[in-house]
Every structure is written in structure tokens, then in C-alpha cells.
């Protein structure tokens, strides 16, 4: 599917290429894709991770879906950390346990 760059968004192409590059480096280049359905599943899972959990430097180490939340908490010496595997363990998400 080909989508043209919109005239009012001149940087759209660069942003899209950056996301595609991240998706390829972190997910699809590391998994043997067996078909279109599998590819859609992998990209959908990566998109959820990218938008809901992955920290972004330009957003104050917050994911895009949590811009209204406060700054991430700072880990202390006795903080318990929970790890969640995504894409069969290819990507791990970490969070503090209350």
C-alpha cells in the first residue's frame, strides 16, 4: 500500500522511515516471518510495545500513549522489577512492582 506524503506535513516521510527502521531492527529482522498474517501479528505487537511502553528520549522517557502521566519513577535499592516478554522473548518490558 502506497501512501503519499501530505502537503501540510513535510516531515511525515522522515518520521515514517524512522519508525519502519526501528521496527525492522528491533523486530522483523530477528524473526523468521512465515506469511502475511504472521507479519501483521509481529508488526501489531511491536506497534503496541512502541506506543505503550518503549521510552522515547524526546518525550522525557515516556511512551507516546502516556504523555499525560507523570515522569517515570526512579528505582531505589529495594525496588522490585517485573519483566514481561513480548514477541516470544525478543523484546522485554520492565516495570516497577508496587
PDB file of N, CA and C in Angstrom:
ATOM      1  N   UNK A   1       0.841  -1.171   0.000  1.00  0.00           N
ATOM      2  CA  UNK A   1       0.000   0.000   0.000  1.00  0.00           C
ATOM      3  C   UNK A   1       0.886   1.233   0.000  1.00  0.00           C
ATOM      4  N   UNK A   2       0.658   2.143  -0.904  1.00  0.00           N
ATOM      5  CA  UNK A   2       1.448   3.359  -1.039  1.00  0.00           C
ATOM      6  C   UNK A   2       0.642   4.544  -0.537  1.00  0.00           C
ATOM      7  N   UNK A   3       1.222   5.297   0.377  1.00  0.00           N
ATOM      8  CA  UNK A   3       0.576   6.495   0.904  1.00  0.00           C
ATOM      9  C   UNK A   3       1.497   7.664   0.612  1.00  0.00           C
ATOM     10  N   UNK A   4       0.989   8.678  -0.063  1.00  0.00           N
ATOM     11  CA  UNK A   4       1.795   9.850  -0.397  1.00  0.00           C
ATOM     12  C   UNK A   4       1.985  10.721   0.833  1.00  0.00           C
ATOM     13  N   UNK A   5       3.060  11.504   0.801  1.00  0.00           N
ATOM     14  CA  UNK A   5       3.298  12.462   1.871  1.00  0.00           C
ATOM     15  C   UNK A   5       2.296  13.608   1.726  1.00  0.00           C
ATOM     16  N   UNK A   6       1.655  13.956   2.817  1.00  0.00           N
ATOM     17  CA  UNK A   6       0.678  15.037   2.791  1.00  0.00           C
ATOM     18  C   UNK A   6       1.384  16.383   2.656  1.00  0.00           C
ATOM     19  N   UNK A   7       0.806  17.348   1.935  1.00  0.00           N
ATOM     20  CA  UNK A   7       1.463  18.636   1.734  1.00  0.00           C
ATOM     21  C   UNK A   7       1.665  19.423   3.030  1.00  0.00           C
ATOM     22  N   UNK A   8       0.792  19.285   3.994  1.00  0.00           N
ATOM     23  CA  UNK A   8       0.894  20.048   5.235  1.00  0.00           C
ATOM     24  C   UNK A   8       1.867  19.409   6.227  1.00  0.00           C
ATOM     25  N   UNK A   9       2.399  18.222   5.913  1.00  0.00           N
ATOM     26  CA  UNK A   9       3.286  17.508   6.824  1.00  0.00           C
ATOM     27  C   UNK A   9       4.575  17.139   6.084  1.00  0.00           C
ATOM     28  N   UNK A  10       5.480  18.094   5.908  1.00  0.00           N
ATOM     29  CA  UNK A  10       6.678  17.810   5.116  1.00  0.00           C
ATOM     30  C   UNK A  10       7.620  16.789   5.747  1.00  0.00           C
ATOM     31  N   UNK A  11       7.584  16.631   7.088  1.00  0.00           N
ATOM     32  CA  UNK A  11       8.477  15.676   7.744  1.00  0.00           C
ATOM     33  C   UNK A  11       7.859  14.286   7.898  1.00  0.00           C
ATOM     34  N   UNK A  12       6.676  14.077   7.356  1.00  0.00           N
ATOM     35  CA  UNK A  12       5.984  12.801   7.501  1.00  0.00           C
ATOM     36  C   UNK A  12       6.821  11.640   6.969  1.00  0.00           C
ATOM     37  N   UNK A  13       7.480  11.843   5.849  1.00  0.00           N
ATOM     38  CA  UNK A  13       8.284  10.789   5.246  1.00  0.00           C
ATOM     39  C   UNK A  13       9.427  10.388   6.176  1.00  0.00           C
ATOM     40  N   UNK A  14      10.102  11.350   6.787  1.00  0.00           N
ATOM     41  CA  UNK A  14      11.219  11.057   7.683  1.00  0.00           C
ATOM     42  C   UNK A  14      10.753  10.313   8.927  1.00  0.00           C
ATOM     43  N   UNK A  15       9.630  10.737   9.498  1.00  0.00           N
ATOM     44  CA  UNK A  15       9.096  10.077  10.685  1.00  0.00           C
ATOM     45  C   UNK A  15       8.702   8.640  10.359  1.00  0.00           C
ATOM     46  N   UNK A  16       8.068   8.441   9.227  1.00  0.00           N
ATOM     47  CA  UNK A  16       7.658   7.095   8.811  1.00  0.00           C
ATOM     48  C   UNK A  16       8.866   6.205   8.581  1.00  0.00           C
ATOM     49  N   UNK A  17       9.887   6.723   7.917  1.00  0.00           N
ATOM     50  CA  UNK A  17      11.091   5.933   7.673  1.00  0.00           C
ATOM     51  C   UNK A  17      11.790   5.576   8.972  1.00  0.00           C
ATOM     52  N   UNK A  18      11.779   6.469   9.932  1.00  0.00           N
ATOM     53  CA  UNK A  18      12.393   6.191  11.236  1.00  0.00           C
ATOM     54  C   UNK A  18      11.650   5.056  11.938  1.00  0.00           C
ATOM     55  N   UNK A  19      10.307   5.086  11.920  1.00  0.00           N
ATOM     56  CA  UNK A  19       9.521   4.033  12.576  1.00  0.00           C
ATOM     57  C   UNK A  19       9.744   2.694  11.880  1.00  0.00           C
ATOM     58  N   UNK A  20       9.755   2.693  10.568  1.00  0.00           N
ATOM     59  CA  UNK A  20       9.976   1.451   9.826  1.00  0.00           C
ATOM     60  C   UNK A  20      11.359   0.891  10.139  1.00  0.00           C
ATOM     61  N   UNK A  21      12.363   1.757  10.206  1.00  0.00           N
ATOM     62  CA  UNK A  21      13.709   1.310  10.552  1.00  0.00           C
ATOM     63  C   UNK A  21      13.780   0.694  11.934  1.00  0.00           C
ATOM     64  N   UNK A  22      13.129   1.335  12.908  1.00  0.00           N
ATOM     65  CA  UNK A  22      13.094   0.786  14.266  1.00  0.00           C
ATOM     66  C   UNK A  22      12.389  -0.559  14.298  1.00  0.00           C
ATOM     67  N   UNK A  23      11.282  -0.663  13.609  1.00  0.00           N
ATOM     68  CA  UNK A  23      10.520  -1.913  13.569  1.00  0.00           C
ATOM     69  C   UNK A  23      11.362  -3.023  12.946  1.00  0.00           C
ATOM     70  N   UNK A  24      12.050  -2.716  11.889  1.00  0.00           N
ATOM     71  CA  UNK A  24      12.896  -3.730  11.238  1.00  0.00           C
ATOM     72  C   UNK A  24      14.036  -4.155  12.143  1.00  0.00           C
ATOM     73  N   UNK A  25      14.769  -3.181  12.717  1.00  0.00           N
ATOM     74  CA  UNK A  25      15.927  -3.518  13.547  1.00  0.00           C
ATOM     75  C   UNK A  25      15.537  -4.282  14.804  1.00  0.00           C
ATOM     76  N   UNK A  26      14.450  -3.885  15.461  1.00  0.00           N
ATOM     77  CA  UNK A  26      14.093  -4.462  16.748  1.00  0.00           C
ATOM     78  C   UNK A  26      13.184  -5.681  16.649  1.00  0.00           C
ATOM     79  N   UNK A  27      12.523  -5.890  15.517  1.00  0.00           N
ATOM     80  CA  UNK A  27      11.560  -6.998  15.456  1.00  0.00           C
ATOM     81  C   UNK A  27      11.696  -7.858  14.211  1.00  0.00           C
ATOM     82  N   UNK A  28      11.351  -7.328  13.057  1.00  0.00           N
ATOM     83  CA  UNK A  28      11.202  -8.200  11.889  1.00  0.00           C
ATOM     84  C   UNK A  28      12.515  -8.776  11.367  1.00  0.00           C
ATOM     85  N   UNK A  29      13.653  -8.108  11.573  1.00  0.00           N
ATOM     86  CA  UNK A  29      14.926  -8.672  11.124  1.00  0.00           C
ATOM     87  C   UNK A  29      15.385  -9.830  12.003  1.00  0.00           C
ATOM     88  N   UNK A  30      14.781 -10.002  13.173  1.00  0.00           N
ATOM     89  CA  UNK A  30      15.201 -11.021  14.127  1.00  0.00           C
ATOM     90  C   UNK A  30      14.257 -12.216  14.194  1.00  0.00           C
ATOM     91  N   UNK A  31      13.202 -12.192  13.391  1.00  0.00           N
ATOM     92  CA  UNK A  31      12.201 -13.259  13.397  1.00  0.00           C
ATOM     93  C   UNK A  31      12.016 -13.765  11.974  1.00  0.00           C
ATOM     94  N   UNK A  32      11.865 -15.068  11.839  1.00  0.00           N
ATOM     95  CA  UNK A  32      11.550 -15.637  10.532  1.00  0.00           C
ATOM     96  C   UNK A  32      10.045 -15.479  10.310  1.00  0.00           C
ATOM     97  N   UNK A  33       9.673 -14.599   9.409  1.00  0.00           N
ATOM     98  CA  UNK A  33       8.267 -14.318   9.117  1.00  0.00           C
ATOM     99  C   UNK A  33       7.767 -15.396   8.162  1.00  0.00           C
ATOM    100  N   UNK A  34       6.653 -16.052   8.521  1.00  0.00           N
ATOM    101  CA  UNK A  34       6.157 -17.179   7.730  1.00  0.00           C
ATOM    102  C   UNK A  34       5.027 -16.826   6.768  1.00  0.00           C
ATOM    103  N   UNK A  35       4.521 -15.624   6.831  1.00  0.00           N
ATOM    104  CA  UNK A  35       3.449 -15.225   5.924  1.00  0.00           C
ATOM    105  C   UNK A  35       2.909 -13.858   6.288  1.00  0.00           C
ATOM    106  N   UNK A  36       1.944 -13.393   5.503  1.00  0.00           N
ATOM    107  CA  UNK A  36       1.379 -12.058   5.732  1.00  0.00           C
ATOM    108  C   UNK A  36       0.685 -11.962   7.085  1.00  0.00           C
ATOM    109  N   UNK A  37      -0.046 -13.001   7.456  1.00  0.00           N
ATOM    110  CA  UNK A  37      -0.754 -12.986   8.749  1.00  0.00           C
ATOM    111  C   UNK A  37       0.243 -12.886   9.905  1.00  0.00           C
ATOM    112  N   UNK A  38       1.329 -13.641   9.825  1.00  0.00           N
ATOM    113  CA  UNK A  38       2.356 -13.598  10.854  1.00  0.00           C
ATOM    114  C   UNK A  38       3.025 -12.226  10.891  1.00  0.00           C
ATOM    115  N   UNK A  39       3.305 -11.644   9.727  1.00  0.00           N
ATOM    116  CA  UNK A  39       3.904 -10.314   9.657  1.00  0.00           C
ATOM    117  C   UNK A  39       3.002  -9.278  10.321  1.00  0.00           C
ATOM    118  N   UNK A  40       1.707  -9.337  10.033  1.00  0.00           N
ATOM    119  CA  UNK A  40       0.768  -8.393  10.651  1.00  0.00           C
ATOM    120  C   UNK A  40       0.734  -8.559  12.171  1.00  0.00           C
ATOM    121  N   UNK A  41       0.810  -9.779  12.659  1.00  0.00           N
ATOM    122  CA  UNK A  41       0.828 -10.041  14.100  1.00  0.00           C
ATOM    123  C   UNK A  41       2.087  -9.449  14.737  1.00  0.00           C
ATOM    124  N   UNK A  42       3.242  -9.675  14.117  1.00  0.00           N
ATOM    125  CA  UNK A  42       4.502  -9.170  14.656  1.00  0.00           C
ATOM    126  C   UNK A  42       4.519  -7.642  14.651  1.00  0.00           C
ATOM    127  N   UNK A  43       4.108  -7.030  13.549  1.00  0.00           N
ATOM    128  CA  UNK A  43       4.107  -5.561  13.472  1.00  0.00           C
ATOM    129  C   UNK A  43       3.092  -4.969  14.451  1.00  0.00           C
ATOM    130  N   UNK A  44       1.938  -5.601  14.598  1.00  0.00           N
ATOM    131  CA  UNK A  44       0.944  -5.120  15.567  1.00  0.00           C
ATOM    132  C   UNK A  44       1.464  -5.186  16.993  1.00  0.00           C
ATOM    133  N   UNK A  45       2.131  -6.270  17.339  1.00  0.00           N
ATOM    134  CA  UNK A  45       2.704  -6.416  18.683  1.00  0.00           C
ATOM    135  C   UNK A  45       3.816  -5.396  18.913  1.00  0.00           C
ATOM    136  N   UNK A  46       4.650  -5.175  17.897  1.00  0.00           N
ATOM    137  CA  UNK A  46       5.709  -4.182  18.027  1.00  0.00           C
ATOM    138  C   UNK A  46       5.111  -2.774  18.152  1.00  0.00           C
ATOM    139  N   UNK A  47       4.075  -2.476  17.404  1.00  0.00           N
ATOM    140  CA  UNK A  47       3.443  -1.157  17.476  1.00  0.00           C
ATOM    141  C   UNK A  47       2.872  -0.913  18.882  1.00  0.00           C
ATOM    142  N   UNK A  48       2.260  -1.938  19.480  1.00  0.00           N
ATOM    143  CA  UNK A  48       1.766  -1.793  20.859  1.00  0.00           C
ATOM    144  C   UNK A  48       2.923  -1.489  21.808  1.00  0.00           C
ATOM    145  N   UNK A  49       4.007  -2.241  21.664  1.00  0.00           N
ATOM    146  CA  UNK A  49       5.178  -2.020  22.519  1.00  0.00           C
ATOM    147  C   UNK A  49       5.729  -0.607  22.306  1.00  0.00           C
ATOM    148  N   UNK A  50       5.846  -0.178  21.068  1.00  0.00           N
ATOM    149  CA  UNK A  50       6.413   1.130  20.734  1.00  0.00           C
ATOM    150  C   UNK A  50       5.564   2.266  21.295  1.00  0.00           C
ATOM    151  N   UNK A  51       4.253   2.148  21.219  1.00  0.00           N
ATOM    152  CA  UNK A  51       3.373   3.234  21.642  1.00  0.00           C
ATOM    153  C   UNK A  51       2.991   3.196  23.117  1.00  0.00           C
ATOM    154  N   UNK A  52       3.017   2.025  23.745  1.00  0.00           N
ATOM    155  CA  UNK A  52       2.558   1.927  25.135  1.00  0.00           C
ATOM    156  C   UNK A  52       3.671   1.777  26.160  1.00  0.00           C
ATOM    157  N   UNK A  53       4.840   1.291  25.746  1.00  0.00           N
ATOM    158  CA  UNK A  53       5.857   1.014  26.754  1.00  0.00           C
ATOM    159  C   UNK A  53       7.242   1.582  26.426  1.00  0.00           C
ATOM    160  N   UNK A  54       7.670   1.531  25.198  1.00  0.00           N
ATOM    161  CA  UNK A  54       9.040   1.898  24.837  1.00  0.00           C
ATOM    162  C   UNK A  54       9.310   3.365  25.172  1.00  0.00           C
ATOM    163  N   UNK A  55      10.357   3.652  25.962  1.00  0.00           N
ATOM    164  CA  UNK A  55      10.651   5.046  26.300  1.00  0.00           C
ATOM    165  C   UNK A  55      11.216   5.802  25.104  1.00  0.00           C
ATOM    166  N   UNK A  56      10.810   7.057  24.962  1.00  0.00           N
ATOM    167  CA  UNK A  56      11.272   7.921  23.877  1.00  0.00           C
ATOM    168  C   UNK A  56      12.037   9.092  24.494  1.00  0.00           C
ATOM    169  N   UNK A  57      13.267   9.309  24.045  1.00  0.00           N
ATOM    170  CA  UNK A  57      14.097  10.362  24.620  1.00  0.00           C
ATOM    171  C   UNK A  57      13.457  11.738  24.477  1.00  0.00           C
ATOM    172  N   UNK A  58      12.861  12.006  23.342  1.00  0.00           N
ATOM    173  CA  UNK A  58      12.284  13.335  23.113  1.00  0.00           C
ATOM    174  C   UNK A  58      11.011  13.570  23.919  1.00  0.00           C
ATOM    175  N   UNK A  59      10.459  12.529  24.514  1.00  0.00           N
ATOM    176  CA  UNK A  59       9.220  12.656  25.303  1.00  0.00           C
ATOM    177  C   UNK A  59       9.487  12.494  26.798  1.00  0.00           C
ATOM    178  N   UNK A  60      10.709  12.716  27.235  1.00  0.00           N
ATOM    179  CA  UNK A  60      11.035  12.602  28.651  1.00  0.00           C
ATOM    180  C   UNK A  60      10.997  11.170  29.150  1.00  0.00           C
ATOM    181  N   UNK A  61      11.446  10.233  28.347  1.00  0.00           N
ATOM    182  CA  UNK A  61      11.473   8.803  28.661  1.00  0.00           C
ATOM    183  C   UNK A  61      10.083   8.217  28.884  1.00  0.00           C
ATOM    184  N   UNK A  62       9.080   8.826  28.265  1.00  0.00           N
ATOM    185  CA  UNK A  62       7.710   8.296  28.328  1.00  0.00           C
ATOM    186  C   UNK A  62       7.296   7.807  26.956  1.00  0.00           C
ATOM    187  N   UNK A  63       6.445   6.785  26.911  1.00  0.00           N
ATOM    188  CA  UNK A  63       5.909   6.346  25.618  1.00  0.00           C
ATOM    189  C   UNK A  63       4.839   7.321  25.126  1.00  0.00           C
ATOM    190  N   UNK A  64       4.558   7.342  23.821  1.00  0.00           N
ATOM    191  CA  UNK A  64       3.573   8.288  23.278  1.00  0.00           C
ATOM    192  C   UNK A  64       2.182   8.165  23.894  1.00  0.00           C
ATOM    193  N   UNK A  65       1.738   6.978  24.259  1.00  0.00           N
ATOM    194  CA  UNK A  65       0.401   6.811  24.829  1.00  0.00           C
ATOM    195  C   UNK A  65       0.298   7.260  26.284  1.00  0.00           C
ATOM    196  N   UNK A  66       1.422   7.621  26.912  1.00  0.00           N
ATOM    197  CA  UNK A  66       1.399   8.021  28.317  1.00  0.00           C
ATOM    198  C   UNK A  66       1.984   9.408  28.528  1.00  0.00           C
ATOM    199  N   UNK A  67       1.751  10.294  27.586  1.00  0.00           N
ATOM    200  CA  UNK A  67       2.301  11.645  27.690  1.00  0.00           C
ATOM    201  C   UNK A  67       1.705  12.428  28.846  1.00  0.00           C
ATOM    202  N   UNK A  68       0.484  12.128  29.244  1.00  0.00           N
ATOM    203  CA  UNK A  68      -0.144  12.862  30.340  1.00  0.00           C
ATOM    204  C   UNK A  68       0.242  12.310  31.697  1.00  0.00           C
ATOM    205  N   UNK A  69       0.919  11.164  31.746  1.00  0.00           N
ATOM    206  CA  UNK A  69       1.331  10.590  33.030  1.00  0.00           C
ATOM    207  C   UNK A  69       2.565  11.330  33.548  1.00  0.00           C
ATOM    208  N   UNK A  70       2.812  11.255  34.858  1.00  0.00           N
ATOM    209  CA  UNK A  70       3.984  11.932  35.416  1.00  0.00           C
ATOM    210  C   UNK A  70       5.283  11.267  34.958  1.00  0.00           C
ATOM    211  N   UNK A  71       6.403  11.890  35.305  1.00  0.00           N
ATOM    212  CA  UNK A  71       7.714  11.330  34.962  1.00  0.00           C
ATOM    213  C   UNK A  71       7.830   9.910  35.519  1.00  0.00           C
ATOM    214  N   UNK A  72       8.591   9.048  34.836  1.00  0.00           N
ATOM    215  CA  UNK A  72       8.764   7.687  35.346  1.00  0.00           C
ATOM    216  C   UNK A  72       9.432   7.702  36.717  1.00  0.00           C
ATOM    217  N   UNK A  73       9.023   6.792  37.611  1.00  0.00           N
ATOM    218  CA  UNK A  73       9.631   6.770  38.949  1.00  0.00           C
ATOM    219  C   UNK A  73      11.090   6.317  38.883  1.00  0.00           C
ATOM    220  N   UNK A  74      11.864   6.764  39.855  1.00  0.00           N
ATOM    221  CA  UNK A  74      13.277   6.391  39.936  1.00  0.00           C
ATOM    222  C   UNK A  74      13.404   5.147  40.805  1.00  0.00           C
ATOM    223  N   UNK A  75      14.159   4.166  40.334  1.00  0.00           N
ATOM    224  CA  UNK A  75      14.339   2.918  41.086  1.00  0.00           C
ATOM    225  C   UNK A  75      15.241   3.150  42.285  1.00  0.00           C
ATOM    226  N   UNK A  76      14.874   2.560  43.411  1.00  0.00           N
ATOM    227  CA  UNK A  76      15.672   2.610  44.641  1.00  0.00           C
ATOM    228  C   UNK A  76      16.360   1.262  44.820  1.00  0.00           C
ATOM    229  N   UNK A  77      17.137   1.127  45.893  1.00  0.00           N
ATOM    230  CA  UNK A  77      17.885  -0.112  46.134  1.00  0.00           C
ATOM    231  C   UNK A  77      16.996  -1.325  46.325  1.00  0.00           C
ATOM    232  N   UNK A  78      15.853  -1.154  46.969  1.00  0.00           N
ATOM    233  CA  UNK A  78      14.988  -2.299  47.275  1.00  0.00           C
ATOM    234  C   UNK A  78      13.755  -2.366  46.366  1.00  0.00           C
ATOM    235  N   UNK A  79      13.826  -1.779  45.211  1.00  0.00           N
ATOM    236  CA  UNK A  79      12.703  -1.777  44.268  1.00  0.00           C
ATOM    237  C   UNK A  79      12.621  -3.122  43.557  1.00  0.00           C
ATOM    238  N   UNK A  80      11.407  -3.675  43.490  1.00  0.00           N
ATOM    239  CA  UNK A  80      11.194  -4.924  42.753  1.00  0.00           C
ATOM    240  C   UNK A  80      10.809  -4.572  41.318  1.00  0.00           C
ATOM    241  N   UNK A  81      11.381  -5.294  40.375  1.00  0.00           N
ATOM    242  CA  UNK A  81      11.167  -5.050  38.953  1.00  0.00           C
ATOM    243  C   UNK A  81      10.472  -6.267  38.346  1.00  0.00           C
ATOM    244  N   UNK A  82       9.469  -6.008  37.517  1.00  0.00           N
ATOM    245  CA  UNK A  82       8.771  -7.082  36.806  1.00  0.00           C
ATOM    246  C   UNK A  82       9.174  -7.020  35.330  1.00  0.00           C
ATOM    247  N   UNK A  83       9.459  -8.182  34.745  1.00  0.00           N
ATOM    248  CA  UNK A  83       9.820  -8.263  33.335  1.00  0.00           C
ATOM    249  C   UNK A  83       8.725  -8.991  32.578  1.00  0.00           C
ATOM    250  N   UNK A  84       8.330  -8.414  31.444  1.00  0.00           N
ATOM    251  CA  UNK A  84       7.308  -9.019  30.600  1.00  0.00           C
ATOM    252  C   UNK A  84       7.899  -9.244  29.214  1.00  0.00           C
ATOM    253  N   UNK A  85       7.799 -10.476  28.728  1.00  0.00           N
ATOM    254  CA  UNK A  85       8.342 -10.806  27.413  1.00  0.00           C
ATOM    255  C   UNK A  85       7.315 -10.477  26.331  1.00  0.00           C
ATOM    256  N   UNK A  86       7.799  -9.912  25.241  1.00  0.00           N
ATOM    257  CA  UNK A  86       6.982  -9.642  24.054  1.00  0.00           C
ATOM    258  C   UNK A  86       7.623 -10.348  22.874  1.00  0.00           C
ATOM    259  N   UNK A  87       6.822 -10.733  21.916  1.00  0.00           N
ATOM    260  CA  UNK A  87       7.284 -11.403  20.701  1.00  0.00           C
ATOM    261  C   UNK A  87       8.142 -12.623  21.037  1.00  0.00           C
ATOM    262  N   UNK A  88       7.655 -13.437  21.954  1.00  0.00           N
ATOM    263  CA  UNK A  88       8.339 -14.673  22.302  1.00  0.00           C
ATOM    264  C   UNK A  88       9.668 -14.461  22.999  1.00  0.00           C
ATOM    265  N   UNK A  89       9.851 -13.353  23.688  1.00  0.00           N
ATOM    266  CA  UNK A  89      11.081 -13.071  24.404  1.00  0.00           C
ATOM    267  C   UNK A  89      12.070 -12.227  23.623  1.00  0.00           C
ATOM    268  N   UNK A  90      11.726 -11.813  22.427  1.00  0.00           N
ATOM    269  CA  UNK A  90      12.608 -10.969  21.621  1.00  0.00           C
ATOM    270  C   UNK A  90      12.742  -9.583  22.246  1.00  0.00           C
ATOM    271  N   UNK A  91      11.644  -9.066  22.767  1.00  0.00           N
ATOM    272  CA  UNK A  91      11.612  -7.756  23.415  1.00  0.00           C
ATOM    273  C   UNK A  91      11.141  -7.968  24.847  1.00  0.00           C
ATOM    274  N   UNK A  92      11.753  -7.277  25.787  1.00  0.00           N
ATOM    275  CA  UNK A  92      11.347  -7.356  27.190  1.00  0.00           C
ATOM    276  C   UNK A  92      10.908  -5.973  27.659  1.00  0.00           C
ATOM    277  N   UNK A  93       9.817  -5.938  28.413  1.00  0.00           N
ATOM    278  CA  UNK A  93       9.342  -4.696  29.021  1.00  0.00           C
ATOM    279  C   UNK A  93       9.515  -4.814  30.514  1.00  0.00           C
ATOM    280  N   UNK A  94      10.057  -3.767  31.123  1.00  0.00           N
ATOM    281  CA  UNK A  94      10.317  -3.767  32.559  1.00  0.00           C
ATOM    282  C   UNK A  94       9.450  -2.713  33.219  1.00  0.00           C
ATOM    283  N   UNK A  95       8.940  -3.029  34.422  1.00  0.00           N
ATOM    284  CA  UNK A  95       8.163  -2.054  35.189  1.00  0.00           C
ATOM    285  C   UNK A  95       8.372  -2.325  36.674  1.00  0.00           C
ATOM    286  N   UNK A  96       8.177  -1.284  37.470  1.00  0.00           N
ATOM    287  CA  UNK A  96       8.315  -1.430  38.923  1.00  0.00           C
ATOM    288  C   UNK A  96       7.057  -2.064  39.492  1.00  0.00           C
ATOM    289  N   UNK A  97       7.249  -2.916  40.488  1.00  0.00           N
ATOM    290  CA  UNK A  97       6.134  -3.545  41.191  1.00  0.00           C
ATOM    291  C   UNK A  97       5.854  -2.731  42.432  1.00  0.00           C
ATOM    292  N   UNK A  98       4.592  -2.372  42.646  1.00  0.00           N
ATOM    293  CA  UNK A  98       4.226  -1.554  43.807  1.00  0.00           C
ATOM    294  C   UNK A  98       4.297  -2.340  45.092  1.00  0.00           C
TER     295      UNK A  98
END
